[in-house]
Amino acid sequence: MQVVESGGGLVQPGGSLRLSCAASGFTASDNLIQWFRQVPGNERLPVVGLDSMNSMLHYKGFTGGRFTVSRDNAKNTVYLQMNNLTPENTAVYYCRAHIRETIIWGKGTLVTVSS
């Protein structure tokens, strides 16, 4: 079982990015999938999550309506859509799957917001 993030990169302030979390070895829609962010030297914080009922969960790192999470069951992938990005959103973004008693982390994808 694994999750693999993609979609990070360099974007200008005000721009958008969509991050992907591709799951394999398990069904994403049956489990809680969460997005975390981490700035070097700081703790890793949860941003948003999507549970098996397709409910969006907001956490401490949530930045309001600019971030949304969705899922494509056919692709077994969860997305994090980030709009109107600011330099403060610069971080490594991680996907985490909570499968019963098992926690699986991806390796992260770097998002850099800079002009």
Protein backbone atom coordinates (compact mmCIF):
# COMPACT_ATOMS: atom_id res chain seq x y z
CA MET A 1 0.00 0.00 0.00
CA GLN A 2 1.26 3.47 -0.84
CA VAL A 3 0.32 7.02 -1.68
CA VAL A 4 2.26 9.19 -4.10
CA GLU A 5 1.91 12.96 -4.30
CA SER A 6 2.44 15.01 -7.42
CA GLY A 7 1.58 18.41 -8.82
CA GLY A 8 3.82 20.66 -6.79
CA GLY A 9 5.99 23.34 -8.31
CA LEU A 10 6.66 27.03 -8.57
CA VAL A 11 3.67 29.32 -8.87
CA GLN A 12 3.27 33.07 -8.66
CA PRO A 13 1.24 34.69 -5.89
CA GLY A 14 -2.42 34.58 -6.77
CA GLY A 15 -1.97 31.46 -8.84
CA SER A 16 -3.41 27.97 -8.42
CA LEU A 17 -2.14 24.44 -8.17
CA ARG A 18 -3.79 21.09 -7.96
CA LEU A 19 -1.96 18.43 -6.01
CA SER A 20 -2.67 14.75 -6.54
CA CYS A 21 -2.45 11.88 -4.10
CA ALA A 22 -2.52 8.61 -6.02
CA ALA A 23 -3.33 5.59 -3.87
CA SER A 24 -2.35 2.03 -4.63
CA GLY A 25 -2.92 -1.20 -2.80
CA PHE A 26 -6.08 0.06 -1.13
CA THR A 27 -9.24 1.95 -2.03
CA ALA A 28 -8.95 5.64 -1.25
CA SER A 29 -12.71 6.14 -1.07
CA ASP A 30 -12.99 3.62 1.79
CA ASN A 31 -10.54 5.48 4.00
CA LEU A 32 -9.60 8.85 5.45
CA ILE A 33 -7.14 10.72 3.25
CA GLN A 34 -5.53 13.85 4.64
CA TRP A 35 -3.27 16.58 3.34
CA PHE A 36 -0.54 18.02 5.55
CA ARG A 37 1.91 20.82 5.04
CA GLN A 38 5.36 21.34 6.47
CA VAL A 39 7.71 24.29 6.33
CA PRO A 40 11.36 23.34 7.01
CA GLY A 41 12.07 23.63 10.70
CA ASN A 42 8.40 23.57 11.63
CA GLU A 43 6.01 20.81 12.55
CA ARG A 44 3.91 19.02 9.99
CA LEU A 45 0.34 20.30 10.21
CA PRO A 46 -2.89 18.86 8.81
CA VAL A 47 -4.68 21.05 6.30
CA VAL A 48 -7.73 19.23 5.02
CA GLY A 49 -9.05 15.70 4.84
CA LEU A 50 -11.64 13.71 2.97
CA ASP A 51 -13.33 10.84 4.72
CA SER A 52 -15.08 7.76 3.40
CA MET A 53 -18.40 9.63 3.48
CA ASN A 54 -16.91 12.21 1.12
CA SER A 55 -17.01 14.82 3.88
CA MET A 56 -14.31 17.48 3.87
CA LEU A 57 -12.53 17.92 7.18
CA HIS A 58 -10.79 21.16 8.13
CA TYR A 59 -7.77 21.32 10.40
CA LYS A 60 -5.53 23.91 12.00
CA GLY A 61 -3.56 24.49 8.80
CA PHE A 62 -6.69 25.13 6.77
CA THR A 63 -6.64 28.42 4.96
CA GLY A 64 -10.28 28.99 4.30
CA GLY A 65 -12.20 28.58 1.10
CA ARG A 66 -9.11 28.81 -1.07
CA PHE A 67 -8.40 25.09 -0.56
CA THR A 68 -10.72 22.28 -1.54
CA VAL A 69 -10.30 18.53 -1.59
CA SER A 70 -11.91 16.08 -3.97
CA ARG A 71 -11.62 12.51 -5.10
CA ASP A 72 -11.71 10.60 -8.38
CA ASN A 73 -12.72 7.07 -7.50
CA ALA A 74 -11.96 5.75 -10.97
CA LYS A 75 -8.37 6.92 -10.60
CA ASN A 76 -8.18 6.10 -6.89
CA THR A 77 -6.79 9.59 -6.41
CA VAL A 78 -7.48 12.46 -4.02
CA TYR A 79 -6.82 16.03 -5.07
CA LEU A 80 -6.02 19.23 -3.22
CA GLN A 81 -7.02 22.28 -5.21
CA MET A 82 -5.27 25.40 -3.98
CA ASN A 83 -6.34 28.80 -5.29
CA ASN A 84 -5.15 32.35 -4.76
CA LEU A 85 -1.87 31.13 -3.33
CA THR A 86 0.34 33.37 -1.23
CA PRO A 87 4.02 33.01 -0.27
CA GLU A 88 2.83 31.79 3.14
CA ASN A 89 1.51 28.66 1.40
CA THR A 90 5.05 27.66 0.46
CA ALA A 91 5.69 24.24 2.00
CA VAL A 92 6.07 20.57 1.32
CA TYR A 93 2.62 19.03 1.07
CA TYR A 94 2.12 15.46 2.18
CA CYS A 95 -0.69 13.02 1.67
CA ARG A 96 -1.55 10.62 4.48
CA ALA A 97 -3.88 7.64 4.37
CA HIS A 98 -5.46 6.30 7.54
CA ILE A 99 -6.40 2.69 6.82
CA ARG A 100 -7.86 1.14 9.95
CA GLU A 101 -4.81 0.94 12.29
CA THR A 102 -2.32 1.70 9.54
CA ILE A 103 -0.97 5.13 8.65
CA ILE A 104 0.72 5.62 5.30
CA TRP A 105 2.60 8.76 4.31
CA GLY A 106 3.70 9.89 0.90
CA LYS A 107 7.06 11.50 0.31
CA GLY A 108 5.60 14.92 -0.28
CA THR A 109 5.56 17.46 -3.06
CA LEU A 110 7.08 20.92 -2.81
CA VAL A 111 4.95 23.98 -3.46
CA THR A 112 6.78 27.27 -3.83
CA VAL A 113 4.82 30.49 -4.17
CA SER A 114 7.04 33.28 -5.34
CA SER A 115 7.23 36.03 -7.90
